[in-house]
């Protein structure tokens, strides 16, 4: 992930942690365990307030998910 300047909207802290989560989108993606949506999370180090931002998904990533889960 690229460098980001972040300031918590709740406590104004500028220290944060980032991570990624994936979520299934619909019926078929749940059955075949293909993750349809990917989100980047930013969590404030002080108050733990968390924001999610939608990220791009790729067909190659979905194929990899299908065979590794």
PDB file of N, CA and C in Angstrom:
ATOM      1  N   UNK A   1       0.842  -1.178   0.000  1.00  0.00           N
ATOM      2  CA  UNK A   1       0.000   0.000   0.000  1.00  0.00           C
ATOM      3  C   UNK A   1       0.876   1.226   0.000  1.00  0.00           C
ATOM      4  N   UNK A   2       0.459   2.240  -0.709  1.00  0.00           N
ATOM      5  CA  UNK A   2       1.245   3.459  -0.773  1.00  0.00           C
ATOM      6  C   UNK A   2       1.181   4.222   0.547  1.00  0.00           C
ATOM      7  N   UNK A   3       2.172   5.048   0.749  1.00  0.00           N
ATOM      8  CA  UNK A   3       2.240   5.846   1.977  1.00  0.00           C
ATOM      9  C   UNK A   3       1.020   6.762   2.056  1.00  0.00           C
ATOM     10  N   UNK A   4       0.496   6.917   3.263  1.00  0.00           N
ATOM     11  CA  UNK A   4      -0.709   7.698   3.402  1.00  0.00           C
ATOM     12  C   UNK A   4      -0.598   8.611   4.614  1.00  0.00           C
ATOM     13  N   UNK A   5      -1.103   9.809   4.463  1.00  0.00           N
ATOM     14  CA  UNK A   5      -1.152  10.755   5.570  1.00  0.00           C
ATOM     15  C   UNK A   5      -2.543  10.633   6.155  1.00  0.00           C
ATOM     16  N   UNK A   6      -2.620  10.181   7.397  1.00  0.00           N
ATOM     17  CA  UNK A   6      -3.909   9.909   8.018  1.00  0.00           C
ATOM     18  C   UNK A   6      -3.975  10.597   9.369  1.00  0.00           C
ATOM     19  N   UNK A   7      -5.115  11.200   9.629  1.00  0.00           N
ATOM     20  CA  UNK A   7      -5.382  11.808  10.932  1.00  0.00           C
ATOM     21  C   UNK A   7      -6.750  11.315  11.377  1.00  0.00           C
ATOM     22  N   UNK A   8      -6.802  10.691  12.551  1.00  0.00           N
ATOM     23  CA  UNK A   8      -8.041  10.119  13.051  1.00  0.00           C
ATOM     24  C   UNK A   8      -9.111  11.201  13.209  1.00  0.00           C
ATOM     25  N   UNK A   9     -10.303  10.977  12.652  1.00  0.00           N
ATOM     26  CA  UNK A   9     -11.378  11.968  12.775  1.00  0.00           C
ATOM     27  C   UNK A   9     -11.956  12.069  14.192  1.00  0.00           C
ATOM     28  N   UNK A  10     -11.697  11.072  15.033  1.00  0.00           N
ATOM     29  CA  UNK A  10     -12.235  11.102  16.402  1.00  0.00           C
ATOM     30  C   UNK A  10     -11.270  11.733  17.400  1.00  0.00           C
ATOM     31  N   UNK A  11      -9.977  11.357  17.361  1.00  0.00           N
ATOM     32  CA  UNK A  11      -9.042  11.824  18.394  1.00  0.00           C
ATOM     33  C   UNK A  11      -7.857  12.615  17.838  1.00  0.00           C
ATOM     34  N   UNK A  12      -7.797  12.818  16.530  1.00  0.00           N
ATOM     35  CA  UNK A  12      -6.745  13.586  15.846  1.00  0.00           C
ATOM     36  C   UNK A  12      -5.352  12.968  15.929  1.00  0.00           C
ATOM     37  N   UNK A  13      -5.248  11.711  16.293  1.00  0.00           N
ATOM     38  CA  UNK A  13      -3.967  11.011  16.330  1.00  0.00           C
ATOM     39  C   UNK A  13      -3.509  10.745  14.899  1.00  0.00           C
ATOM     40  N   UNK A  14      -2.190  10.789  14.662  1.00  0.00           N
ATOM     41  CA  UNK A  14      -1.690  10.512  13.313  1.00  0.00           C
ATOM     42  C   UNK A  14      -0.936   9.184  13.216  1.00  0.00           C
ATOM     43  N   UNK A  15      -1.026   8.344  14.240  1.00  0.00           N
ATOM     44  CA  UNK A  15      -0.427   7.013  14.221  1.00  0.00           C
ATOM     45  C   UNK A  15      -1.525   5.999  13.883  1.00  0.00           C
ATOM     46  N   UNK A  16      -1.241   5.097  12.959  1.00  0.00           N
ATOM     47  CA  UNK A  16      -2.275   4.172  12.499  1.00  0.00           C
ATOM     48  C   UNK A  16      -1.676   2.836  12.091  1.00  0.00           C
ATOM     49  N   UNK A  17      -2.539   1.845  11.921  1.00  0.00           N
ATOM     50  CA  UNK A  17      -2.186   0.531  11.397  1.00  0.00           C
ATOM     51  C   UNK A  17      -3.068   0.290  10.178  1.00  0.00           C
ATOM     52  N   UNK A  18      -2.547  -0.433   9.197  1.00  0.00           N
ATOM     53  CA  UNK A  18      -3.353  -0.765   8.022  1.00  0.00           C
ATOM     54  C   UNK A  18      -3.426  -2.278   7.858  1.00  0.00           C
ATOM     55  N   UNK A  19      -4.427  -2.723   7.154  1.00  0.00           N
ATOM     56  CA  UNK A  19      -4.606  -4.140   6.877  1.00  0.00           C
ATOM     57  C   UNK A  19      -5.594  -4.306   5.743  1.00  0.00           C
ATOM     58  N   UNK A  20      -5.919  -5.535   5.441  1.00  0.00           N
ATOM     59  CA  UNK A  20      -6.818  -5.827   4.329  1.00  0.00           C
ATOM     60  C   UNK A  20      -7.803  -6.907   4.735  1.00  0.00           C
ATOM     61  N   UNK A  21      -9.042  -6.780   4.274  1.00  0.00           N
ATOM     62  CA  UNK A  21     -10.033  -7.838   4.451  1.00  0.00           C
ATOM     63  C   UNK A  21     -10.683  -8.090   3.099  1.00  0.00           C
ATOM     64  N   UNK A  22     -11.204  -9.288   2.937  1.00  0.00           N
ATOM     65  CA  UNK A  22     -11.935  -9.653   1.724  1.00  0.00           C
ATOM     66  C   UNK A  22     -13.306 -10.163   2.139  1.00  0.00           C
ATOM     67  N   UNK A  23     -14.296  -9.870   1.314  1.00  0.00           N
ATOM     68  CA  UNK A  23     -15.665 -10.271   1.624  1.00  0.00           C
ATOM     69  C   UNK A  23     -16.301 -10.914   0.392  1.00  0.00           C
ATOM     70  N   UNK A  24     -17.120 -11.922   0.625  1.00  0.00           N
ATOM     71  CA  UNK A  24     -17.850 -12.570  -0.464  1.00  0.00           C
ATOM     72  C   UNK A  24     -18.995 -11.660  -0.887  1.00  0.00           C
ATOM     73  N   UNK A  25     -19.306 -11.672  -2.163  1.00  0.00           N
ATOM     74  CA  UNK A  25     -20.319 -10.769  -2.670  1.00  0.00           C
ATOM     75  C   UNK A  25     -21.715 -11.353  -2.741  1.00  0.00           C
ATOM     76  N   UNK A  26     -21.867 -12.494  -3.350  1.00  0.00           N
ATOM     77  CA  UNK A  26     -23.195 -13.055  -3.550  1.00  0.00           C
ATOM     78  C   UNK A  26     -23.218 -14.554  -3.347  1.00  0.00           C
ATOM     79  N   UNK A  27     -24.310 -15.153  -3.761  1.00  0.00           N
ATOM     80  CA  UNK A  27     -24.547 -16.582  -3.556  1.00  0.00           C
ATOM     81  C   UNK A  27     -23.438 -17.448  -4.153  1.00  0.00           C
ATOM     82  N   UNK A  28     -23.124 -17.244  -5.450  1.00  0.00           N
ATOM     83  CA  UNK A  28     -22.146 -18.101  -6.120  1.00  0.00           C
ATOM     84  C   UNK A  28     -20.741 -17.872  -5.594  1.00  0.00           C
ATOM     85  N   UNK A  29     -20.417 -16.641  -5.255  1.00  0.00           N
ATOM     86  CA  UNK A  29     -19.077 -16.396  -4.720  1.00  0.00           C
ATOM     87  C   UNK A  29     -18.916 -17.025  -3.342  1.00  0.00           C
ATOM     88  N   UNK A  30     -20.006 -17.133  -2.582  1.00  0.00           N
ATOM     89  CA  UNK A  30     -19.940 -17.813  -1.285  1.00  0.00           C
ATOM     90  C   UNK A  30     -19.765 -19.321  -1.462  1.00  0.00           C
ATOM     91  N   UNK A  31     -20.492 -19.898  -2.420  1.00  0.00           N
ATOM     92  CA  UNK A  31     -20.404 -21.338  -2.650  1.00  0.00           C
ATOM     93  C   UNK A  31     -19.006 -21.734  -3.117  1.00  0.00           C
ATOM     94  N   UNK A  32     -18.426 -20.959  -4.038  1.00  0.00           N
ATOM     95  CA  UNK A  32     -17.110 -21.295  -4.573  1.00  0.00           C
ATOM     96  C   UNK A  32     -15.975 -20.627  -3.801  1.00  0.00           C
ATOM     97  N   UNK A  33     -16.283 -19.950  -2.710  1.00  0.00           N
ATOM     98  CA  UNK A  33     -15.310 -19.301  -1.841  1.00  0.00           C
ATOM     99  C   UNK A  33     -14.425 -18.318  -2.607  1.00  0.00           C
ATOM    100  N   UNK A  34     -15.038 -17.551  -3.501  1.00  0.00           N
ATOM    101  CA  UNK A  34     -14.343 -16.509  -4.234  1.00  0.00           C
ATOM    102  C   UNK A  34     -14.718 -15.180  -3.595  1.00  0.00           C
ATOM    103  N   UNK A  35     -13.712 -14.401  -3.250  1.00  0.00           N
ATOM    104  CA  UNK A  35     -13.958 -13.136  -2.566  1.00  0.00           C
ATOM    105  C   UNK A  35     -14.228 -12.045  -3.591  1.00  0.00           C
ATOM    106  N   UNK A  36     -15.427 -11.474  -3.556  1.00  0.00           N
ATOM    107  CA  UNK A  36     -15.830 -10.489  -4.545  1.00  0.00           C
ATOM    108  C   UNK A  36     -15.422  -9.076  -4.217  1.00  0.00           C
ATOM    109  N   UNK A  37     -15.197  -8.753  -2.968  1.00  0.00           N
ATOM    110  CA  UNK A  37     -14.852  -7.395  -2.572  1.00  0.00           C
ATOM    111  C   UNK A  37     -13.617  -7.414  -1.685  1.00  0.00           C
ATOM    112  N   UNK A  38     -12.783  -6.418  -1.887  1.00  0.00           N
ATOM    113  CA  UNK A  38     -11.570  -6.284  -1.085  1.00  0.00           C
ATOM    114  C   UNK A  38     -11.559  -4.886  -0.483  1.00  0.00           C
ATOM    115  N   UNK A  39     -11.210  -4.794   0.784  1.00  0.00           N
ATOM    116  CA  UNK A  39     -11.194  -3.520   1.484  1.00  0.00           C
ATOM    117  C   UNK A  39      -9.879  -3.335   2.221  1.00  0.00           C
ATOM    118  N   UNK A  40      -9.384  -2.114   2.221  1.00  0.00           N
ATOM    119  CA  UNK A  40      -8.232  -1.750   3.027  1.00  0.00           C
ATOM    120  C   UNK A  40      -8.767  -1.087   4.280  1.00  0.00           C
ATOM    121  N   UNK A  41      -8.219  -1.457   5.444  1.00  0.00           N
ATOM    122  CA  UNK A  41      -8.657  -0.840   6.679  1.00  0.00           C
ATOM    123  C   UNK A  41      -7.541   0.022   7.248  1.00  0.00           C
ATOM    124  N   UNK A  42      -7.932   1.128   7.865  1.00  0.00           N
ATOM    125  CA  UNK A  42      -7.002   2.006   8.570  1.00  0.00           C
ATOM    126  C   UNK A  42      -7.539   2.131   9.986  1.00  0.00           C
ATOM    127  N   UNK A  43      -6.719   1.737  10.979  1.00  0.00           N
ATOM    128  CA  UNK A  43      -7.140   1.746  12.384  1.00  0.00           C
ATOM    129  C   UNK A  43      -6.245   2.680  13.177  1.00  0.00           C
ATOM    130  N   UNK A  44      -6.855   3.591  13.909  1.00  0.00           N
ATOM    131  CA  UNK A  44      -6.130   4.523  14.765  1.00  0.00           C
ATOM    132  C   UNK A  44      -5.429   3.743  15.878  1.00  0.00           C
ATOM    133  N   UNK A  45      -4.164   4.047  16.114  1.00  0.00           N
ATOM    134  CA  UNK A  45      -3.398   3.343  17.151  1.00  0.00           C
ATOM    135  C   UNK A  45      -3.845   3.718  18.564  1.00  0.00           C
ATOM    136  N   UNK A  46      -4.424   4.899  18.730  1.00  0.00           N
ATOM    137  CA  UNK A  46      -4.836   5.351  20.062  1.00  0.00           C
ATOM    138  C   UNK A  46      -6.241   4.880  20.433  1.00  0.00           C
ATOM    139  N   UNK A  47      -7.246   5.276  19.670  1.00  0.00           N
ATOM    140  CA  UNK A  47      -8.640   4.995  20.059  1.00  0.00           C
ATOM    141  C   UNK A  47      -9.246   3.789  19.340  1.00  0.00           C
ATOM    142  N   UNK A  48      -8.519   3.226  18.367  1.00  0.00           N
ATOM    143  CA  UNK A  48      -8.942   2.042  17.600  1.00  0.00           C
ATOM    144  C   UNK A  48     -10.108   2.298  16.646  1.00  0.00           C
ATOM    145  N   UNK A  49     -10.419   3.562  16.366  1.00  0.00           N
ATOM    146  CA  UNK A  49     -11.415   3.888  15.353  1.00  0.00           C
ATOM    147  C   UNK A  49     -10.922   3.320  14.020  1.00  0.00           C
ATOM    148  N   UNK A  50     -11.806   2.657  13.258  1.00  0.00           N
ATOM    149  CA  UNK A  50     -11.419   1.996  12.016  1.00  0.00           C
ATOM    150  C   UNK A  50     -12.276   2.480  10.863  1.00  0.00           C
ATOM    151  N   UNK A  51     -11.617   2.749   9.738  1.00  0.00           N
ATOM    152  CA  UNK A  51     -12.307   3.115   8.505  1.00  0.00           C
ATOM    153  C   UNK A  51     -11.937   2.086   7.440  1.00  0.00           C
ATOM    154  N   UNK A  52     -12.873   1.807   6.531  1.00  0.00           N
ATOM    155  CA  UNK A  52     -12.649   0.856   5.446  1.00  0.00           C
ATOM    156  C   UNK A  52     -12.749   1.580   4.115  1.00  0.00           C
ATOM    157  N   UNK A  53     -11.845   1.240   3.203  1.00  0.00           N
ATOM    158  CA  UNK A  53     -11.825   1.814   1.872  1.00  0.00           C
ATOM    159  C   UNK A  53     -11.831   0.681   0.862  1.00  0.00           C
ATOM    160  N   UNK A  54     -12.706   0.777  -0.140  1.00  0.00           N
ATOM    161  CA  UNK A  54     -12.811  -0.279  -1.142  1.00  0.00           C
ATOM    162  C   UNK A  54     -11.571  -0.271  -2.025  1.00  0.00           C
ATOM    163  N   UNK A  55     -11.030  -1.459  -2.283  1.00  0.00           N
ATOM    164  CA  UNK A  55      -9.857  -1.626  -3.136  1.00  0.00           C
ATOM    165  C   UNK A  55     -10.235  -2.434  -4.366  1.00  0.00           C
ATOM    166  N   UNK A  56      -9.417  -2.386  -5.378  1.00  0.00           N
ATOM    167  CA  UNK A  56      -9.682  -3.138  -6.609  1.00  0.00           C
ATOM    168  C   UNK A  56      -9.404  -4.623  -6.393  1.00  0.00           C
ATOM    169  N   UNK A  57     -10.204  -5.465  -7.035  1.00  0.00           N
ATOM    170  CA  UNK A  57      -9.971  -6.913  -7.017  1.00  0.00           C
ATOM    171  C   UNK A  57      -9.511  -7.341  -8.408  1.00  0.00           C
ATOM    172  N   UNK A  58      -8.831  -8.462  -8.476  1.00  0.00           N
ATOM    173  CA  UNK A  58      -8.373  -8.955  -9.776  1.00  0.00           C
ATOM    174  C   UNK A  58      -8.865 -10.388  -9.986  1.00  0.00           C
ATOM    175  N   UNK A  59      -9.001 -10.776 -11.226  1.00  0.00           N
ATOM    176  CA  UNK A  59      -9.426 -12.134 -11.560  1.00  0.00           C
ATOM    177  C   UNK A  59      -8.381 -13.135 -11.085  1.00  0.00           C
ATOM    178  N   UNK A  60      -7.094 -12.803 -11.228  1.00  0.00           N
ATOM    179  CA  UNK A  60      -6.021 -13.693 -10.784  1.00  0.00           C
ATOM    180  C   UNK A  60      -6.100 -13.917  -9.272  1.00  0.00           C
ATOM    181  N   UNK A  61      -6.374 -12.878  -8.510  1.00  0.00           N
ATOM    182  CA  UNK A  61      -6.522 -13.021  -7.062  1.00  0.00           C
ATOM    183  C   UNK A  61      -7.695 -13.906  -6.696  1.00  0.00           C
ATOM    184  N   UNK A  62      -8.802 -13.791  -7.426  1.00  0.00           N
ATOM    185  CA  UNK A  62      -9.967 -14.637  -7.175  1.00  0.00           C
ATOM    186  C   UNK A  62      -9.670 -16.104  -7.489  1.00  0.00           C
ATOM    187  N   UNK A  63      -8.928 -16.354  -8.567  1.00  0.00           N
ATOM    188  CA  UNK A  63      -8.563 -17.730  -8.913  1.00  0.00           C
ATOM    189  C   UNK A  63      -7.655 -18.308  -7.831  1.00  0.00           C
ATOM    190  N   UNK A  64      -6.697 -17.514  -7.363  1.00  0.00           N
ATOM    191  CA  UNK A  64      -5.803 -17.957  -6.289  1.00  0.00           C
ATOM    192  C   UNK A  64      -6.602 -18.273  -5.026  1.00  0.00           C
ATOM    193  N   UNK A  65      -7.569 -17.415  -4.681  1.00  0.00           N
ATOM    194  CA  UNK A  65      -8.427 -17.669  -3.512  1.00  0.00           C
ATOM    195  C   UNK A  65      -9.192 -18.985  -3.648  1.00  0.00           C
ATOM    196  N   UNK A  66      -9.699 -19.254  -4.847  1.00  0.00           N
ATOM    197  CA  UNK A  66     -10.486 -20.456  -5.096  1.00  0.00           C
ATOM    198  C   UNK A  66      -9.654 -21.726  -4.834  1.00  0.00           C
ATOM    199  N   UNK A  67      -8.408 -21.731  -5.291  1.00  0.00           N
ATOM    200  CA  UNK A  67      -7.593 -22.928  -5.166  1.00  0.00           C
ATOM    201  C   UNK A  67      -6.877 -23.055  -3.820  1.00  0.00           C
ATOM    202  N   UNK A  68      -6.767 -21.993  -3.053  1.00  0.00           N
ATOM    203  CA  UNK A  68      -6.036 -22.069  -1.783  1.00  0.00           C
ATOM    204  C   UNK A  68      -6.956 -22.176  -0.577  1.00  0.00           C
ATOM    205  N   UNK A  69      -8.247 -21.995  -0.718  1.00  0.00           N
ATOM    206  CA  UNK A  69      -9.157 -22.069   0.437  1.00  0.00           C
ATOM    207  C   UNK A  69      -9.825 -23.373   0.544  1.00  0.00           C
TER     208      UNK A  69
END
